[in-house]
Amino acid sequence: MPNGWELASALAQIPLYLGVLGSMGLVLVRIAFGRETAGLHATMVGQATALALLALLAAGIGFALKGAALTGELSGMTDPEMLGLLWQTPVGAAFACRVAGLGLVLLGLRLPGIGLPIAAGGGLVALWSFARVGHVTDVGALWLEILLLLHLAAAAFWIGVLPPLRVLAGDRENLSLAASLGRRFERVAAFNVPFLIAAGIVLAWRLLGGVEALLETGYGLTLLAKIGAVACLLAAATANKLRFVPAMRAGDRRGAAALRRSIAVESAAICLVLLATAALTGLQGAPWDQHPLLPDE
């Protein structure tokens, strides 16, 4: 079981994931759906900036908490010797990667013209940091790290479309833009969502090694909870595609209101997914090495 400092370090992953994926997603959506989001540029830049700053803060706190987890004392958060040792580990490399990537995101958001591509590049660097530390890295397979990077980028794109879609759906004069954004995202989601699911299955299979581990280890049970939250996401997205976006295309304001409620459900499900992800990162040892929770007969 993780101690208190390890648990705090794992919880710090929640705002870190939210900040990195959210800022990256907003940048990708602004690039991909330029016409529909043109009127929201300032709003989206402000949101992405706030999320990137949140991620930077969470990254710093999480790194310091790793020091406290190693010493078992609060002083470990500011102990130069301990943090210096931590800096030389994969945890330090991931932290440096996050700071550099998020710095590029913040820089790109302030630059005209090529700023958004720079921010997107910075977002990829920050996402790559998650593939450089943790259970996936323990496997030692580069292809698995690349798959995780693409999996996170696909998730970021989904997260990033929700804020502008919700804003546009709340403005009766922009219902056509909201419907257009929803329809265009559906076309991307036709490939994005199956890839998300397939990549998740491959990652889980490679880390767990079998169905038994899914049912008999803490890692597996937490992963099942994450899958449940993803199922809620898929249900809400299906309702958007089949009912609410077509209603908006017909000019039905009730469809727009229903879409906003559906987006709220998706946002809550995303928070649960991030919570489960943070719990997975907090589990000690490789998932395939964990002892079964149920005693042998």
C-alpha atoms as a PDB file:
ATOM      1  CA  MET A   1       0.000   0.000   0.000  1.00  0.00           C
ATOM      2  CA  PRO A   2       1.313   3.514  -0.776  1.00  0.00           C
ATOM      3  CA  ASN A   3       2.116   5.727   2.200  1.00  0.00           C
ATOM      4  CA  GLY A   4       0.601   9.165   2.703  1.00  0.00           C
ATOM      5  CA  TRP A   5       3.235  10.985   0.666  1.00  0.00           C
ATOM      6  CA  GLU A   6       2.983   8.514  -2.192  1.00  0.00           C
ATOM      7  CA  LEU A   7      -0.795   8.928  -2.165  1.00  0.00           C
ATOM      8  CA  ALA A   8      -0.451  12.716  -2.233  1.00  0.00           C
ATOM      9  CA  SER A   9       1.996  12.413  -5.124  1.00  0.00           C
ATOM     10  CA  ALA A  10      -0.496  10.250  -7.020  1.00  0.00           C
ATOM     11  CA  LEU A  11      -3.333  12.713  -6.381  1.00  0.00           C
ATOM     12  CA  ALA A  12      -1.165  15.511  -7.784  1.00  0.00           C
ATOM     13  CA  GLN A  13      -1.359  13.627 -11.075  1.00  0.00           C
ATOM     14  CA  ILE A  14      -5.043  14.566 -11.441  1.00  0.00           C
ATOM     15  CA  PRO A  15      -4.517  18.317 -12.072  1.00  0.00           C
ATOM     16  CA  LEU A  16      -1.370  17.431 -14.017  1.00  0.00           C
ATOM     17  CA  TYR A  17      -3.258  15.202 -16.455  1.00  0.00           C
ATOM     18  CA  LEU A  18      -6.137  17.681 -16.642  1.00  0.00           C
ATOM     19  CA  GLY A  19      -3.798  20.587 -17.340  1.00  0.00           C
ATOM     20  CA  VAL A  20      -1.646  18.861 -19.943  1.00  0.00           C
ATOM     21  CA  LEU A  21      -4.451  17.084 -21.796  1.00  0.00           C
ATOM     22  CA  GLY A  22      -6.801  20.059 -21.555  1.00  0.00           C
ATOM     23  CA  SER A  23      -4.333  22.649 -22.850  1.00  0.00           C
ATOM     24  CA  MET A  24      -3.098  20.342 -25.609  1.00  0.00           C
ATOM     25  CA  GLY A  25      -6.657  19.465 -26.590  1.00  0.00           C
ATOM     26  CA  LEU A  26      -7.749  23.086 -26.868  1.00  0.00           C
ATOM     27  CA  VAL A  27      -4.762  23.851 -29.093  1.00  0.00           C
ATOM     28  CA  LEU A  28      -5.475  20.865 -31.348  1.00  0.00           C
ATOM     29  CA  VAL A  29      -9.160  21.762 -31.648  1.00  0.00           C
ATOM     30  CA  ARG A  30      -8.339  25.394 -32.425  1.00  0.00           C
ATOM     31  CA  ILE A  31      -6.045  24.193 -35.229  1.00  0.00           C
ATOM     32  CA  ALA A  32      -8.335  21.469 -36.587  1.00  0.00           C
ATOM     33  CA  PHE A  33     -11.600  23.426 -36.474  1.00  0.00           C
ATOM     34  CA  GLY A  34     -10.386  26.917 -37.249  1.00  0.00           C
ATOM     35  CA  ARG A  35     -13.599  28.241 -38.819  1.00  0.00           C
ATOM     36  CA  GLU A  36     -15.933  27.074 -36.081  1.00  0.00           C
ATOM     37  CA  THR A  37     -13.681  28.262 -33.231  1.00  0.00           C
ATOM     38  CA  ALA A  38     -12.422  31.531 -34.743  1.00  0.00           C
ATOM     39  CA  GLY A  39     -14.760  33.631 -32.607  1.00  0.00           C
ATOM     40  CA  LEU A  40     -13.598  31.823 -29.469  1.00  0.00           C
ATOM     41  CA  HIS A  41      -9.867  32.282 -30.040  1.00  0.00           C
ATOM     42  CA  ALA A  42      -9.261  34.593 -27.082  1.00  0.00           C
ATOM     43  CA  THR A  43     -11.397  32.441 -24.791  1.00  0.00           C
ATOM     44  CA  MET A  44      -9.664  29.226 -25.814  1.00  0.00           C
ATOM     45  CA  VAL A  45      -6.207  30.771 -25.479  1.00  0.00           C
ATOM     46  CA  GLY A  46      -7.128  31.941 -21.986  1.00  0.00           C
ATOM     47  CA  GLN A  47      -8.418  28.492 -21.038  1.00  0.00           C
ATOM     48  CA  ALA A  48      -5.363  26.741 -22.476  1.00  0.00           C
ATOM     49  CA  THR A  49      -3.050  29.156 -20.664  1.00  0.00           C
ATOM     50  CA  ALA A  50      -4.792  28.553 -17.339  1.00  0.00           C
ATOM     51  CA  LEU A  51      -4.645  24.778 -17.833  1.00  0.00           C
ATOM     52  CA  ALA A  52      -0.959  24.854 -18.798  1.00  0.00           C
ATOM     53  CA  LEU A  53      -0.168  26.911 -15.690  1.00  0.00           C
ATOM     54  CA  LEU A  54      -2.177  24.447 -13.593  1.00  0.00           C
ATOM     55  CA  ALA A  55      -0.139  21.596 -15.074  1.00  0.00           C
ATOM     56  CA  LEU A  56       3.137  23.400 -14.335  1.00  0.00           C
ATOM     57  CA  LEU A  57       2.098  23.936 -10.723  1.00  0.00           C
ATOM     58  CA  ALA A  58       0.966  20.320 -10.363  1.00  0.00           C
ATOM     59  CA  ALA A  59       4.199  19.064 -11.950  1.00  0.00           C
ATOM     60  CA  GLY A  60       6.291  21.055  -9.473  1.00  0.00           C
ATOM     61  CA  ILE A  61       4.249  19.939  -6.478  1.00  0.00           C
ATOM     62  CA  GLY A  62       4.249  16.338  -7.686  1.00  0.00           C
ATOM     63  CA  PHE A  63       8.030  16.356  -8.084  1.00  0.00           C
ATOM     64  CA  ALA A  64       8.496  17.787  -4.590  1.00  0.00           C
ATOM     65  CA  LEU A  65       6.084  15.225  -3.151  1.00  0.00           C
ATOM     66  CA  LYS A  66       8.209  12.474  -4.690  1.00  0.00           C
ATOM     67  CA  GLY A  67      11.056  13.786  -2.545  1.00  0.00           C
ATOM     68  CA  ALA A  68       8.845  13.658   0.538  1.00  0.00           C
ATOM     69  CA  ALA A  69       7.775  10.118  -0.375  1.00  0.00           C
ATOM     70  CA  LEU A  70      11.424   9.031  -0.476  1.00  0.00           C
ATOM     71  CA  THR A  71      12.287  10.539   2.912  1.00  0.00           C
ATOM     72  CA  GLY A  72       8.915  10.021   4.562  1.00  0.00           C
ATOM     73  CA  GLU A  73       9.047  13.591   5.858  1.00  0.00           C
ATOM     74  CA  LEU A  74       7.771  17.008   4.764  1.00  0.00           C
ATOM     75  CA  SER A  75      11.339  18.305   4.629  1.00  0.00           C
ATOM     76  CA  GLY A  76      11.948  16.004   1.658  1.00  0.00           C
ATOM     77  CA  MET A  77       9.928  18.398  -0.512  1.00  0.00           C
ATOM     78  CA  THR A  78      12.639  21.045  -0.198  1.00  0.00           C
ATOM     79  CA  ASP A  79      15.716  18.921   0.522  1.00  0.00           C
ATOM     80  CA  PRO A  80      18.253  19.942  -2.188  1.00  0.00           C
ATOM     81  CA  GLU A  81      20.226  16.711  -1.877  1.00  0.00           C
ATOM     82  CA  MET A  82      17.166  14.484  -2.149  1.00  0.00           C
ATOM     83  CA  LEU A  83      15.646  16.485  -5.004  1.00  0.00           C
ATOM     84  CA  GLY A  84      19.019  16.487  -6.736  1.00  0.00           C
ATOM     85  CA  LEU A  85      19.135  12.704  -6.576  1.00  0.00           C
ATOM     86  CA  LEU A  86      15.545  12.531  -7.819  1.00  0.00           C
ATOM     87  CA  TRP A  87      16.444  14.842 -10.705  1.00  0.00           C
ATOM     88  CA  GLN A  88      18.885  12.215 -12.007  1.00  0.00           C
ATOM     89  CA  THR A  89      16.178   9.543 -12.222  1.00  0.00           C
ATOM     90  CA  PRO A  90      13.462   9.027 -14.874  1.00  0.00           C
ATOM     91  CA  VAL A  91      11.160  11.053 -12.586  1.00  0.00           C
ATOM     92  CA  GLY A  92      13.475  14.040 -12.981  1.00  0.00           C
ATOM     93  CA  ALA A  93      13.692  13.542 -16.738  1.00  0.00           C
ATOM     94  CA  ALA A  94       9.890  13.428 -16.991  1.00  0.00           C
ATOM     95  CA  PHE A  95       9.609  16.589 -14.879  1.00  0.00           C
ATOM     96  CA  ALA A  96      12.085  18.424 -17.125  1.00  0.00           C
ATOM     97  CA  CYS A  97      10.157  17.223 -20.181  1.00  0.00           C
ATOM     98  CA  ARG A  98       6.906  18.563 -18.738  1.00  0.00           C
ATOM     99  CA  VAL A  99       8.368  21.939 -17.847  1.00  0.00           C
ATOM    100  CA  ALA A 100       9.928  22.320 -21.301  1.00  0.00           C
ATOM    101  CA  GLY A 101       6.783  21.197 -23.108  1.00  0.00           C
ATOM    102  CA  LEU A 102       4.420  23.361 -21.090  1.00  0.00           C
ATOM    103  CA  GLY A 103       6.790  26.293 -21.504  1.00  0.00           C
ATOM    104  CA  LEU A 104       6.480  25.891 -25.273  1.00  0.00           C
ATOM    105  CA  VAL A 105       2.695  25.701 -24.939  1.00  0.00           C
ATOM    106  CA  LEU A 106       2.618  28.991 -23.034  1.00  0.00           C
ATOM    107  CA  LEU A 107       5.030  30.608 -25.501  1.00  0.00           C
ATOM    108  CA  GLY A 108       3.075  29.434 -28.526  1.00  0.00           C
ATOM    109  CA  LEU A 109      -0.208  30.703 -27.109  1.00  0.00           C
ATOM    110  CA  ARG A 110       1.276  34.190 -27.010  1.00  0.00           C
ATOM    111  CA  LEU A 111       2.661  34.182 -30.552  1.00  0.00           C
ATOM    112  CA  PRO A 112       0.641  35.030 -33.679  1.00  0.00           C
ATOM    113  CA  GLY A 113       0.900  32.990 -36.853  1.00  0.00           C
ATOM    114  CA  ILE A 114       2.983  29.930 -36.026  1.00  0.00           C
ATOM    115  CA  GLY A 115       2.138  30.141 -32.329  1.00  0.00           C
ATOM    116  CA  LEU A 116      -0.463  27.373 -32.332  1.00  0.00           C
ATOM    117  CA  PRO A 117       1.803  24.805 -34.066  1.00  0.00           C
ATOM    118  CA  ILE A 118       4.533  25.649 -31.538  1.00  0.00           C
ATOM    119  CA  ALA A 119       2.044  25.159 -28.711  1.00  0.00           C
ATOM    120  CA  ALA A 120       0.961  21.830 -30.213  1.00  0.00           C
ATOM    121  CA  GLY A 121       4.589  20.716 -30.400  1.00  0.00           C
ATOM    122  CA  GLY A 122       5.062  21.687 -26.773  1.00  0.00           C
ATOM    123  CA  GLY A 123       1.956  19.741 -25.869  1.00  0.00           C
ATOM    124  CA  LEU A 124       3.377  16.627 -27.516  1.00  0.00           C
ATOM    125  CA  VAL A 125       6.592  17.033 -25.515  1.00  0.00           C
ATOM    126  CA  ALA A 126       4.560  17.290 -22.307  1.00  0.00           C
ATOM    127  CA  LEU A 127       2.492  14.231 -23.267  1.00  0.00           C
ATOM    128  CA  TRP A 128       5.659  12.293 -24.031  1.00  0.00           C
ATOM    129  CA  SER A 129       6.732  12.775 -20.412  1.00  0.00           C
ATOM    130  CA  PHE A 130       3.950  10.412 -19.318  1.00  0.00           C
ATOM    131  CA  ALA A 131       5.382   7.723 -21.585  1.00  0.00           C
ATOM    132  CA  ARG A 132       8.868   8.136 -20.113  1.00  0.00           C
ATOM    133  CA  VAL A 133       8.015   7.202 -16.533  1.00  0.00           C
ATOM    134  CA  GLY A 134       5.689   4.625 -15.013  1.00  0.00           C
ATOM    135  CA  HIS A 135       4.574   1.085 -15.714  1.00  0.00           C
ATOM    136  CA  VAL A 136       4.765   1.436 -19.504  1.00  0.00           C
ATOM    137  CA  THR A 137       8.417   2.466 -19.276  1.00  0.00           C
ATOM    138  CA  ASP A 138       9.109  -0.545 -17.050  1.00  0.00           C
ATOM    139  CA  VAL A 139       8.153  -2.818 -19.949  1.00  0.00           C
ATOM    140  CA  GLY A 140      11.026  -1.400 -21.992  1.00  0.00           C
ATOM    141  CA  ALA A 141       9.202  -1.376 -25.345  1.00  0.00           C
ATOM    142  CA  LEU A 142       9.468   1.814 -27.399  1.00  0.00           C
ATOM    143  CA  TRP A 143       6.399   0.938 -29.466  1.00  0.00           C
ATOM    144  CA  LEU A 144       4.329   0.791 -26.281  1.00  0.00           C
ATOM    145  CA  GLU A 145       5.531   4.252 -25.242  1.00  0.00           C
ATOM    146  CA  ILE A 146       4.613   5.636 -28.676  1.00  0.00           C
ATOM    147  CA  LEU A 147       1.207   3.969 -28.442  1.00  0.00           C
ATOM    148  CA  LEU A 148       0.634   5.609 -25.055  1.00  0.00           C
ATOM    149  CA  LEU A 149       1.635   8.991 -26.503  1.00  0.00           C
ATOM    150  CA  LEU A 150      -0.878   8.629 -29.344  1.00  0.00           C
ATOM    151  CA  HIS A 151      -3.510   7.359 -26.897  1.00  0.00           C
ATOM    152  CA  LEU A 152      -3.052  10.481 -24.750  1.00  0.00           C
ATOM    153  CA  ALA A 153      -3.111  12.780 -27.789  1.00  0.00           C
ATOM    154  CA  ALA A 154      -6.409  11.233 -28.914  1.00  0.00           C
ATOM    155  CA  ALA A 155      -7.831  11.693 -25.417  1.00  0.00           C
ATOM    156  CA  ALA A 156      -6.629  15.305 -25.364  1.00  0.00           C
ATOM    157  CA  PHE A 157      -8.445  16.009 -28.629  1.00  0.00           C
ATOM    158  CA  TRP A 158     -11.707  14.683 -27.171  1.00  0.00           C
ATOM    159  CA  ILE A 159     -11.287  16.725 -23.990  1.00  0.00           C
ATOM    160  CA  GLY A 160     -10.385  19.841 -25.959  1.00  0.00           C
ATOM    161  CA  VAL A 161     -13.547  19.913 -28.070  1.00  0.00           C
ATOM    162  CA  LEU A 162     -15.911  20.026 -25.085  1.00  0.00           C
ATOM    163  CA  PRO A 163     -15.379  23.642 -23.868  1.00  0.00           C
ATOM    164  CA  PRO A 164     -15.881  25.378 -27.256  1.00  0.00           C
ATOM    165  CA  LEU A 165     -18.781  23.085 -28.140  1.00  0.00           C
ATOM    166  CA  ARG A 166     -20.494  23.898 -24.851  1.00  0.00           C
ATOM    167  CA  VAL A 167     -19.999  27.652 -25.321  1.00  0.00           C
ATOM    168  CA  LEU A 168     -21.322  27.630 -28.889  1.00  0.00           C
ATOM    169  CA  ALA A 169     -24.316  25.493 -27.915  1.00  0.00           C
ATOM    170  CA  GLY A 170     -25.210  28.050 -25.250  1.00  0.00           C
ATOM    171  CA  ASP A 171     -25.523  30.887 -27.773  1.00  0.00           C
ATOM    172  CA  ARG A 172     -28.677  30.733 -29.906  1.00  0.00           C
ATOM    173  CA  GLU A 173     -26.962  32.788 -32.612  1.00  0.00           C
ATOM    174  CA  ASN A 174     -24.177  30.224 -32.907  1.00  0.00           C
ATOM    175  CA  LEU A 175     -26.225  27.025 -33.027  1.00  0.00           C
ATOM    176  CA  SER A 176     -25.217  26.444 -36.643  1.00  0.00           C
ATOM    177  CA  LEU A 177     -21.539  26.755 -35.690  1.00  0.00           C
ATOM    178  CA  ALA A 178     -22.078  24.415 -32.744  1.00  0.00           C
ATOM    179  CA  ALA A 179     -23.776  21.894 -35.028  1.00  0.00           C
ATOM    180  CA  SER A 180     -20.964  22.216 -37.568  1.00  0.00           C
ATOM    181  CA  LEU A 181     -18.320  21.714 -34.872  1.00  0.00           C
ATOM    182  CA  GLY A 182     -20.194  18.717 -33.495  1.00  0.00           C
ATOM    183  CA  ARG A 183     -20.625  17.192 -36.943  1.00  0.00           C
ATOM    184  CA  ARG A 184     -16.964  17.679 -37.912  1.00  0.00           C
ATOM    185  CA  PHE A 185     -15.790  16.268 -34.596  1.00  0.00           C
ATOM    186  CA  GLU A 186     -17.998  13.217 -35.164  1.00  0.00           C
ATOM    187  CA  ARG A 187     -16.115  12.530 -38.388  1.00  0.00           C
ATOM    188  CA  VAL A 188     -12.807  12.630 -36.537  1.00  0.00           C
ATOM    189  CA  ALA A 189     -14.264  10.620 -33.656  1.00  0.00           C
ATOM    190  CA  ALA A 190     -15.198   7.849 -36.084  1.00  0.00           C
ATOM    191  CA  PHE A 191     -11.462   7.070 -36.157  1.00  0.00           C
ATOM    192  CA  ASN A 192     -10.369   8.656 -32.875  1.00  0.00           C
ATOM    193  CA  VAL A 193     -12.671   6.721 -30.540  1.00  0.00           C
ATOM    194  CA  PRO A 194     -11.974   3.229 -31.963  1.00  0.00           C
ATOM    195  CA  PHE A 195      -8.259   3.995 -31.755  1.00  0.00           C
ATOM    196  CA  LEU A 196      -8.626   5.145 -28.144  1.00  0.00           C
ATOM    197  CA  ILE A 197     -10.386   1.905 -27.253  1.00  0.00           C
ATOM    198  CA  ALA A 198      -8.001  -0.328 -29.210  1.00  0.00           C
ATOM    199  CA  ALA A 199      -4.918   1.381 -27.774  1.00  0.00           C
ATOM    200  CA  GLY A 200      -6.342   1.106 -24.275  1.00  0.00           C
ATOM    201  CA  ILE A 201      -6.964  -2.617 -24.750  1.00  0.00           C
ATOM    202  CA  VAL A 202      -3.430  -3.206 -26.035  1.00  0.00           C
ATOM    203  CA  LEU A 203      -1.888  -1.221 -23.174  1.00  0.00           C
ATOM    204  CA  ALA A 204      -3.979  -3.060 -20.577  1.00  0.00           C
ATOM    205  CA  TRP A 205      -3.218  -6.457 -22.098  1.00  0.00           C
ATOM    206  CA  ARG A 206       0.522  -5.741 -22.254  1.00  0.00           C
ATOM    207  CA  LEU A 207       0.645  -4.476 -18.665  1.00  0.00           C
ATOM    208  CA  LEU A 208      -1.645  -7.040 -17.046  1.00  0.00           C
ATOM    209  CA  GLY A 209      -0.906 -10.112 -19.109  1.00  0.00           C
ATOM    210  CA  GLY A 210      -4.294 -11.768 -18.615  1.00  0.00           C
ATOM    211  CA  VAL A 211      -7.913 -11.517 -17.522  1.00  0.00           C
ATOM    212  CA  GLU A 212      -7.081 -12.996 -14.118  1.00  0.00           C
ATOM    213  CA  ALA A 213      -4.998  -9.948 -13.201  1.00  0.00           C
ATOM    214  CA  LEU A 214      -7.882  -7.710 -14.246  1.00  0.00           C
ATOM    215  CA  LEU A 215     -10.136  -9.316 -11.650  1.00  0.00           C
ATOM    216  CA  GLU A 216      -7.707 -10.200  -8.882  1.00  0.00           C
ATOM    217  CA  THR A 217      -5.323  -7.242  -8.477  1.00  0.00           C
ATOM    218  CA  GLY A 218      -5.775  -3.695  -7.266  1.00  0.00           C
ATOM    219  CA  TYR A 219      -4.444  -2.451 -10.604  1.00  0.00           C
ATOM    220  CA  GLY A 220      -6.963  -4.529 -12.522  1.00  0.00           C
ATOM    221  CA  LEU A 221      -9.948  -3.484 -10.407  1.00  0.00           C
ATOM    222  CA  THR A 222      -8.972   0.183 -10.696  1.00  0.00           C
ATOM    223  CA  LEU A 223      -8.692  -0.290 -14.440  1.00  0.00           C
ATOM    224  CA  LEU A 224     -12.217  -1.729 -14.466  1.00  0.00           C
ATOM    225  CA  ALA A 225     -13.450   1.423 -12.715  1.00  0.00           C
ATOM    226  CA  LYS A 226     -11.726   3.485 -15.392  1.00  0.00           C
ATOM    227  CA  ILE A 227     -13.387   1.401 -18.099  1.00  0.00           C
ATOM    228  CA  GLY A 228     -16.765   2.091 -16.468  1.00  0.00           C
ATOM    229  CA  ALA A 229     -16.145   5.841 -16.622  1.00  0.00           C
ATOM    230  CA  VAL A 230     -15.109   5.535 -20.269  1.00  0.00           C
ATOM    231  CA  ALA A 231     -18.363   3.672 -20.955  1.00  0.00           C
ATOM    232  CA  CYS A 232     -20.275   6.671 -19.567  1.00  0.00           C
ATOM    233  CA  LEU A 233     -18.268   8.902 -21.897  1.00  0.00           C
ATOM    234  CA  LEU A 234     -19.151   6.758 -24.885  1.00  0.00           C
ATOM    235  CA  ALA A 235     -22.842   6.729 -23.953  1.00  0.00           C
ATOM    236  CA  ALA A 236     -22.936  10.529 -23.739  1.00  0.00           C
ATOM    237  CA  ALA A 237     -21.030  10.862 -27.018  1.00  0.00           C
ATOM    238  CA  THR A 238     -23.484   8.505 -28.727  1.00  0.00           C
ATOM    239  CA  ALA A 239     -26.414  10.609 -27.527  1.00  0.00           C
ATOM    240  CA  ASN A 240     -24.681  13.702 -28.884  1.00  0.00           C
ATOM    241  CA  LYS A 241     -24.213  12.117 -32.288  1.00  0.00           C
ATOM    242  CA  LEU A 242     -27.640  10.537 -32.696  1.00  0.00           C
ATOM    243  CA  ARG A 243     -29.897  13.102 -31.030  1.00  0.00           C
ATOM    244  CA  PHE A 244     -28.513  16.418 -29.874  1.00  0.00           C
ATOM    245  CA  VAL A 245     -26.261  17.523 -32.749  1.00  0.00           C
ATOM    246  CA  PRO A 246     -28.927  16.669 -35.389  1.00  0.00           C
ATOM    247  CA  ALA A 247     -31.449  18.645 -33.313  1.00  0.00           C
ATOM    248  CA  MET A 248     -29.145  21.667 -33.314  1.00  0.00           C
ATOM    249  CA  ARG A 249     -28.691  21.393 -37.063  1.00  0.00           C
ATOM    250  CA  ALA A 250     -32.474  21.729 -37.295  1.00  0.00           C
ATOM    251  CA  GLY A 251     -32.321  24.853 -35.114  1.00  0.00           C
ATOM    252  CA  ASP A 252     -33.835  23.200 -32.030  1.00  0.00           C
ATOM    253  CA  ARG A 253     -32.653  25.081 -28.927  1.00  0.00           C
ATOM    254  CA  ARG A 254     -33.791  22.207 -26.723  1.00  0.00           C
ATOM    255  CA  GLY A 255     -31.248  20.044 -28.495  1.00  0.00           C
ATOM    256  CA  ALA A 256     -28.573  22.610 -27.659  1.00  0.00           C
ATOM    257  CA  ALA A 257     -29.581  22.609 -23.988  1.00  0.00           C
ATOM    258  CA  ALA A 258     -29.517  18.812 -23.944  1.00  0.00           C
ATOM    259  CA  LEU A 259     -26.071  18.852 -25.546  1.00  0.00           C
ATOM    260  CA  ARG A 260     -24.765  21.156 -22.820  1.00  0.00           C
ATOM    261  CA  ARG A 261     -26.081  18.757 -20.172  1.00  0.00           C
ATOM    262  CA  SER A 262     -24.492  15.844 -22.008  1.00  0.00           C
ATOM    263  CA  ILE A 263     -21.167  17.694 -22.086  1.00  0.00           C
ATOM    264  CA  ALA A 264     -21.445  18.167 -18.319  1.00  0.00           C
ATOM    265  CA  VAL A 265     -21.839  14.391 -17.982  1.00  0.00           C
ATOM    266  CA  GLU A 266     -18.822  13.846 -20.228  1.00  0.00           C
ATOM    267  CA  SER A 267     -16.777  16.292 -18.143  1.00  0.00           C
ATOM    268  CA  ALA A 268     -17.687  14.456 -14.933  1.00  0.00           C
ATOM    269  CA  ALA A 269     -16.773  11.121 -16.539  1.00  0.00           C
ATOM    270  CA  ILE A 270     -13.436  12.561 -17.653  1.00  0.00           C
ATOM    271  CA  CYS A 271     -12.708  13.602 -14.063  1.00  0.00           C
ATOM    272  CA  LEU A 272     -13.414  10.025 -12.953  1.00  0.00           C
ATOM    273  CA  VAL A 273     -11.107   8.689 -15.668  1.00  0.00           C
ATOM    274  CA  LEU A 274      -8.333  11.014 -14.487  1.00  0.00           C
ATOM    275  CA  LEU A 275      -8.929   9.976 -10.881  1.00  0.00           C
ATOM    276  CA  ALA A 276      -8.619   6.306 -11.839  1.00  0.00           C
ATOM    277  CA  THR A 277      -5.500   7.073 -13.879  1.00  0.00           C
ATOM    278  CA  ALA A 278      -3.943   8.823 -10.886  1.00  0.00           C
ATOM    279  CA  ALA A 279      -4.770   5.812  -8.731  1.00  0.00           C
ATOM    280  CA  LEU A 280      -3.116   3.502 -11.265  1.00  0.00           C
ATOM    281  CA  THR A 281       0.083   5.558 -11.200  1.00  0.00           C
ATOM    282  CA  GLY A 282       0.057   5.409  -7.399  1.00  0.00           C
ATOM    283  CA  LEU A 283       0.039   1.613  -7.224  1.00  0.00           C
ATOM    284  CA  GLN A 284       3.468   0.337  -6.267  1.00  0.00           C
ATOM    285  CA  GLY A 285       5.272  -2.173  -8.433  1.00  0.00           C
ATOM    286  CA  ALA A 286       4.477  -3.424 -11.881  1.00  0.00           C
ATOM    287  CA  PRO A 287       0.857  -4.551 -12.368  1.00  0.00           C
ATOM    288  CA  TRP A 288       1.961  -8.003 -13.479  1.00  0.00           C
ATOM    289  CA  ASP A 289       3.902  -8.432 -10.215  1.00  0.00           C
ATOM    290  CA  GLN A 290       1.044  -7.549  -7.871  1.00  0.00           C
ATOM    291  CA  HIS A 291      -0.264 -10.247  -5.572  1.00  0.00           C
ATOM    292  CA  PRO A 292      -3.881 -11.299  -6.060  1.00  0.00           C
ATOM    293  CA  LEU A 293      -6.361  -9.643  -3.733  1.00  0.00           C
ATOM    294  CA  LEU A 294      -8.192 -12.931  -3.332  1.00  0.00           C
ATOM    295  CA  PRO A 295      -6.465 -15.726  -1.392  1.00  0.00           C
ATOM    296  CA  ASP A 296      -5.624 -18.920  -3.200  1.00  0.00           C
ATOM    297  CA  GLU A 297      -7.929 -21.808  -2.494  1.00  0.00           C
END
